[in-house]
Amino acid sequence: MKKILYEDIVKAIAELCIEANYELGEDVYNAFKLALATEKSETGKGVLQQLMDNADIASELQVPMCQDTGTVVCIVELGQDCHIVGGSLYDAINDGIRKGYGEGYLRNSIVKDPIKRKNTKDNSPGIVHVELVEGDSLTIHMTAKGGGAENMSDLKMLKPSDGIEGIKQYVLDVVRVAGPNACPPLVVGIGIGGNFERCAYLAKKSLFRPIGKRHEDEGIANLEVELMEEINRLGIGPQGLGGTTTALDIKIEVEACHIAALPVAVNLNCHASRHKQAIL
């Protein structure tokens, strides 16, 4: 039985929070460069260049790349042969969030109660999903999820008869309605199957996959490519100012579902697709 110290989790989470907000991932930065080379709108090219410049400045000066430093969402792969010593996993993650957001001078965006709206002043609590896996490692996948793109996300219980065409039309409608409000170019996460709550989780989970990495199922991978082409024909463009780069990538996760159901969720991510990982 491998022992993982509470303090090590706190330290890892704090570092992830700061790094995610200061350092844009290589996959996202490379997607910017590719989009800059293919974007047909001069205005769109100018916006993409500004986004790259902004990422460079954030990295060089070690400051947040966006004023919205996000809700911390963690997907934790907890090995069944490891034991956390010194406290609970959830407490360690939230202590790490407090530490990281304090030391990193990151904006506190979480309110304790959605009705009373009082800020917790330390960006905790985070949202934690735990998946029990084989082995003795603790893998933490973390994202700092911006509020604007999250607000434009959506879920719908389609009919099985709606099929692939219904799914495609629904996704396009969500992106079209979002327009500039989700800060494009977007990374679009899609969950298909499961049930009401599970398809939303699948959509979120898909956003942790690196940009450009296609689904292992050929049919789903082809659907990702097809949807990306159709979304980029909408003309919304970088920051909603027009162009051929509305999405940097489309990611889909699928699971089994009931014979009477076809749940679909669309979780939009802004151009600052902040995702980091630590293994303990």
Protein backbone atom coordinates (compact mmCIF):
# COMPACT_ATOMS: atom_id res chain seq x y z
CA MET A 1 0.00 0.00 0.00
CA LYS A 2 1.60 3.26 -1.15
CA LYS A 3 1.25 6.20 1.24
CA ILE A 4 0.65 9.69 -0.17
CA LEU A 5 1.03 12.60 2.22
CA TYR A 6 -1.70 15.20 2.62
CA GLU A 7 0.92 17.96 2.39
CA ASP A 8 2.18 16.65 -0.96
CA ILE A 9 -1.30 16.90 -2.45
CA VAL A 10 -1.68 20.46 -1.12
CA LYS A 11 1.64 21.45 -2.68
CA ALA A 12 0.84 19.80 -6.02
CA ILE A 13 -2.58 21.47 -6.29
CA ALA A 14 -1.16 24.90 -5.40
CA GLU A 15 1.50 24.56 -8.11
CA LEU A 16 -1.07 23.42 -10.68
CA CYS A 17 -3.33 26.39 -9.92
CA ILE A 18 -0.52 28.89 -10.46
CA GLU A 19 0.98 27.14 -13.49
CA ALA A 20 -2.39 26.76 -15.22
CA ASN A 21 -3.03 30.50 -14.96
CA TYR A 22 0.49 31.62 -15.90
CA GLU A 23 1.56 29.09 -18.54
CA LEU A 24 -0.62 28.27 -21.53
CA GLY A 25 -0.25 24.62 -22.50
CA GLU A 26 1.94 23.76 -25.47
CA ASP A 27 -0.99 22.06 -27.20
CA VAL A 28 -3.09 25.23 -27.03
CA TYR A 29 -0.23 27.50 -28.09
CA ASN A 30 0.54 25.28 -31.07
CA ALA A 31 -3.15 25.36 -32.00
CA PHE A 32 -2.95 29.16 -32.04
CA LYS A 33 0.02 29.01 -34.41
CA LEU A 34 -1.78 26.59 -36.73
CA ALA A 35 -4.91 28.76 -36.70
CA LEU A 36 -2.84 31.85 -37.45
CA ALA A 37 -1.44 30.14 -40.55
CA THR A 38 -4.88 29.09 -41.83
CA GLU A 39 -7.18 31.93 -40.71
CA LYS A 40 -8.58 33.80 -43.73
CA SER A 41 -9.68 36.97 -41.96
CA GLU A 42 -7.07 39.66 -41.37
CA THR A 43 -8.98 40.75 -38.27
CA GLY A 44 -9.03 37.14 -37.09
CA LYS A 45 -5.28 36.85 -37.64
CA GLY A 46 -4.74 40.00 -35.63
CA VAL A 47 -6.75 38.64 -32.72
CA LEU A 48 -4.92 35.31 -32.78
CA GLN A 49 -1.58 37.12 -32.72
CA GLN A 50 -2.75 39.15 -29.72
CA LEU A 51 -3.75 35.96 -27.92
CA MET A 52 -0.29 34.51 -28.53
CA ASP A 53 1.37 37.75 -27.39
CA ASN A 54 -0.79 37.71 -24.26
CA ALA A 55 0.28 34.14 -23.48
CA ASP A 56 3.93 35.11 -23.95
CA ILE A 57 3.60 38.08 -21.59
CA ALA A 58 1.83 35.98 -18.96
CA SER A 59 4.62 33.40 -19.06
CA GLU A 60 7.43 35.94 -19.06
CA LEU A 61 6.07 38.11 -16.24
CA GLN A 62 4.43 35.23 -14.34
CA VAL A 63 1.01 36.85 -14.22
CA PRO A 64 -2.45 35.44 -15.06
CA MET A 65 -3.24 35.24 -18.77
CA CYS A 66 -6.87 36.21 -18.05
CA GLN A 67 -8.58 38.14 -15.26
CA ASP A 68 -11.01 35.24 -14.84
CA THR A 69 -8.76 32.71 -13.13
CA GLY A 70 -11.59 30.21 -13.04
CA THR A 71 -13.25 27.55 -10.98
CA VAL A 72 -10.81 24.76 -10.13
CA VAL A 73 -12.09 21.45 -11.45
CA CYS A 74 -10.12 18.27 -10.72
CA ILE A 75 -10.54 14.78 -12.10
CA VAL A 76 -8.58 12.54 -9.77
CA GLU A 77 -7.55 9.00 -10.73
CA LEU A 78 -7.14 7.39 -7.33
CA GLY A 79 -5.20 4.13 -7.34
CA GLN A 80 -6.92 1.49 -5.20
CA ASP A 81 -3.53 0.55 -3.71
CA CYS A 82 -2.66 3.98 -2.35
CA HIS A 83 -3.58 5.56 0.98
CA ILE A 84 -3.73 9.26 1.78
CA VAL A 85 -2.09 10.06 5.11
CA GLY A 86 -2.84 13.12 7.22
CA GLY A 87 -6.31 14.08 6.05
CA SER A 88 -8.91 13.68 3.35
CA LEU A 89 -8.37 14.06 -0.39
CA TYR A 90 -11.05 16.74 -0.66
CA ASP A 91 -9.59 18.83 2.17
CA ALA A 92 -6.11 18.57 0.67
CA ILE A 93 -7.34 19.75 -2.73
CA ASN A 94 -9.17 22.72 -1.23
CA ASP A 95 -6.19 23.66 0.96
CA GLY A 96 -4.08 23.53 -2.21
CA ILE A 97 -6.52 25.83 -4.00
CA ARG A 98 -6.37 28.33 -1.14
CA LYS A 99 -2.59 28.20 -1.13
CA GLY A 100 -2.20 28.49 -4.90
CA TYR A 101 -4.72 31.27 -5.42
CA GLY A 102 -3.25 33.23 -2.50
CA GLU A 103 0.41 32.86 -3.42
CA GLY A 104 -0.29 33.32 -7.13
CA TYR A 105 -2.33 36.51 -6.63
CA LEU A 106 -5.18 34.94 -8.57
CA ARG A 107 -8.73 36.30 -8.57
CA ASN A 108 -11.15 34.69 -6.13
CA SER A 109 -14.29 33.90 -8.11
CA ILE A 110 -16.26 31.47 -5.94
CA VAL A 111 -19.31 32.39 -3.87
CA LYS A 112 -20.27 30.15 -0.96
CA ASP A 113 -23.99 30.26 -1.70
CA PRO A 114 -25.48 30.78 -5.19
CA ILE A 115 -28.34 32.85 -3.73
CA LYS A 116 -26.61 34.96 -1.06
CA ARG A 117 -23.53 35.45 -3.32
CA LYS A 118 -20.90 35.95 -0.60
CA ASN A 119 -17.37 35.38 -1.92
CA THR A 120 -15.32 32.72 -0.10
CA LYS A 121 -12.24 34.95 -0.69
CA ASP A 122 -9.90 32.02 -1.41
CA ASN A 123 -11.45 30.46 -4.56
CA SER A 124 -12.41 27.31 -2.68
CA PRO A 125 -14.15 24.96 -2.80
CA GLY A 126 -13.13 23.35 -6.04
CA ILE A 127 -15.14 20.75 -7.92
CA VAL A 128 -13.65 17.28 -7.53
CA HIS A 129 -14.46 14.10 -9.45
CA VAL A 130 -12.79 10.88 -8.27
CA GLU A 131 -12.30 7.81 -10.43
CA LEU A 132 -11.04 4.66 -8.70
CA VAL A 133 -8.41 2.94 -10.84
CA GLU A 134 -5.92 0.10 -10.55
CA GLY A 135 -2.43 0.71 -9.20
CA ASP A 136 -0.89 2.84 -6.45
CA SER A 137 -0.65 6.26 -8.10
CA LEU A 138 -2.67 9.41 -7.57
CA THR A 139 -3.09 11.34 -10.82
CA ILE A 140 -4.63 14.80 -10.66
CA HIS A 141 -6.02 16.36 -13.83
CA MET A 142 -6.78 20.01 -13.11
CA THR A 143 -8.38 22.84 -15.04
CA ALA A 144 -9.11 26.46 -14.16
CA LYS A 145 -12.50 26.78 -15.89
CA GLY A 146 -13.59 30.27 -16.91
CA GLY A 147 -17.10 31.45 -16.10
CA GLY A 148 -18.00 32.98 -19.46
CA ALA A 149 -17.58 29.82 -21.50
CA GLU A 150 -19.16 27.70 -18.76
CA ASN A 151 -22.23 29.96 -18.80
CA MET A 152 -22.75 29.30 -22.51
CA SER A 153 -22.62 25.51 -22.11
CA ASP A 154 -25.76 23.41 -22.46
CA LEU A 155 -27.37 19.98 -22.06
CA LYS A 156 -30.27 18.41 -23.87
CA MET A 157 -32.08 15.10 -23.68
CA LEU A 158 -32.49 14.24 -27.34
CA LYS A 159 -34.66 11.45 -28.69
CA PRO A 160 -32.86 8.37 -30.03
CA SER A 161 -34.53 9.04 -33.38
CA ASP A 162 -32.67 12.38 -33.59
CA GLY A 163 -29.50 10.40 -34.30
CA ILE A 164 -26.19 11.81 -35.52
CA GLU A 165 -27.83 14.64 -37.46
CA GLY A 166 -29.74 15.73 -34.37
CA ILE A 167 -26.55 15.71 -32.32
CA LYS A 168 -24.69 17.77 -34.92
CA GLN A 169 -27.49 20.31 -35.22
CA TYR A 170 -27.72 20.69 -31.46
CA VAL A 171 -23.97 21.26 -31.08
CA LEU A 172 -23.96 23.84 -33.87
CA ASP A 173 -26.92 25.63 -32.28
CA VAL A 174 -25.13 25.85 -28.91
CA VAL A 175 -22.00 27.33 -30.50
CA ARG A 176 -24.04 29.71 -32.67
CA VAL A 177 -25.98 31.04 -29.67
CA ALA A 178 -22.76 31.42 -27.66
CA GLY A 179 -21.28 33.61 -30.39
CA PRO A 180 -18.60 35.87 -28.90
CA ASN A 181 -19.72 35.33 -25.29
CA ALA A 182 -17.55 32.26 -24.68
CA CYS A 183 -14.35 34.02 -25.88
CA PRO A 184 -13.59 32.06 -29.07
CA PRO A 185 -11.69 30.39 -30.57
CA LEU A 186 -13.25 27.64 -28.52
CA VAL A 187 -12.42 24.15 -27.43
CA VAL A 188 -15.76 22.32 -27.58
CA GLY A 189 -16.28 19.38 -25.25
CA ILE A 190 -19.18 17.04 -26.01
CA GLY A 191 -20.59 14.24 -23.89
CA ILE A 192 -22.92 11.71 -25.51
CA GLY A 193 -24.68 8.96 -23.57
CA GLY A 194 -24.82 8.00 -19.93
CA ASN A 195 -27.70 9.85 -18.34
CA PHE A 196 -28.62 13.43 -17.37
CA GLU A 197 -25.68 14.09 -15.05
CA ARG A 198 -23.20 11.68 -16.63
CA CYS A 199 -23.22 13.24 -20.10
CA ALA A 200 -22.33 16.62 -18.53
CA TYR A 201 -19.36 14.99 -16.81
CA LEU A 202 -18.28 13.36 -20.07
CA ALA A 203 -18.34 16.74 -21.82
CA LYS A 204 -16.17 18.22 -19.08
CA LYS A 205 -13.80 15.26 -19.05
CA SER A 206 -13.25 15.52 -22.81
CA LEU A 207 -11.74 19.00 -22.34
CA PHE A 208 -8.77 17.47 -20.47
CA ARG A 209 -7.68 15.65 -23.62
CA PRO A 210 -4.82 17.50 -25.39
CA ILE A 211 -5.80 19.51 -28.45
CA GLY A 212 -5.38 17.50 -31.62
CA LYS A 213 -5.68 14.11 -29.93
CA ARG A 214 -8.61 12.36 -31.60
CA HIS A 215 -10.96 9.85 -30.00
CA GLU A 216 -9.75 6.25 -30.21
CA ASP A 217 -12.95 5.16 -31.99
CA GLU A 218 -12.62 6.00 -35.69
CA GLY A 219 -16.28 6.91 -36.09
CA ILE A 220 -16.22 9.33 -33.15
CA ALA A 221 -12.90 10.76 -34.33
CA ASN A 222 -14.43 11.43 -37.75
CA LEU A 223 -17.40 13.14 -36.08
CA GLU A 224 -14.99 15.39 -34.15
CA VAL A 225 -13.33 16.46 -37.40
CA GLU A 226 -16.65 16.95 -39.18
CA LEU A 227 -18.09 19.09 -36.39
CA MET A 228 -14.94 21.20 -36.24
CA GLU A 229 -15.21 21.93 -39.96
CA GLU A 230 -18.90 22.86 -39.66
CA ILE A 231 -18.36 25.05 -36.58
CA ASN A 232 -15.55 26.91 -38.31
CA ARG A 233 -17.90 27.64 -41.20
CA LEU A 234 -20.21 29.56 -38.85
CA GLY A 235 -18.03 32.65 -39.31
CA ILE A 236 -17.99 33.67 -35.62
CA GLY A 237 -14.19 33.77 -35.62
CA PRO A 238 -11.63 34.78 -32.97
CA GLN A 239 -13.29 36.79 -30.20
CA GLY A 240 -16.47 36.87 -32.30
CA LEU A 241 -15.04 39.38 -34.77
CA GLY A 242 -15.46 37.11 -37.79
CA GLY A 243 -13.20 34.58 -39.42
CA THR A 244 -12.63 30.92 -40.07
CA THR A 245 -11.33 29.94 -36.60
CA THR A 246 -14.29 29.63 -34.27
CA ALA A 247 -12.99 26.40 -32.71
CA LEU A 248 -9.48 25.16 -32.03
CA ASP A 249 -10.69 21.62 -31.43
CA ILE A 250 -13.74 19.42 -30.85
CA LYS A 251 -13.59 16.58 -28.33
CA ILE A 252 -16.22 13.92 -27.76
CA GLU A 253 -16.63 11.29 -25.06
CA VAL A 254 -19.33 8.61 -25.28
CA GLU A 255 -20.85 6.03 -22.94
CA ALA A 256 -23.68 3.52 -22.87
CA CYS A 257 -27.19 4.84 -22.26
CA HIS A 258 -30.82 3.74 -21.86
CA ILE A 259 -32.72 2.58 -24.96
CA ALA A 260 -35.15 5.49 -24.60
CA ALA A 261 -32.49 8.18 -24.22
CA LEU A 262 -29.89 10.18 -26.14
CA PRO A 263 -28.43 12.66 -23.66
CA VAL A 264 -25.97 15.20 -25.11
CA ALA A 265 -24.01 17.90 -23.27
CA VAL A 266 -21.84 20.65 -24.75
CA ASN A 267 -19.23 22.18 -22.45
CA LEU A 268 -17.52 25.16 -24.06
CA ASN A 269 -14.01 26.21 -23.17
CA CYS A 270 -12.61 29.60 -24.10
CA HIS A 271 -9.33 30.08 -25.97
CA ALA A 272 -7.45 29.91 -22.64
CA SER A 273 -7.92 26.16 -22.31
CA ARG A 274 -6.06 25.75 -19.02
CA HIS A 275 -5.40 22.11 -18.09
CA LYS A 276 -2.49 20.68 -16.12
CA GLN A 277 -1.58 17.33 -14.56
CA ALA A 278 0.35 15.99 -11.57
CA ILE A 279 1.16 12.39 -10.66
CA LEU A 280 1.99 11.45 -7.04
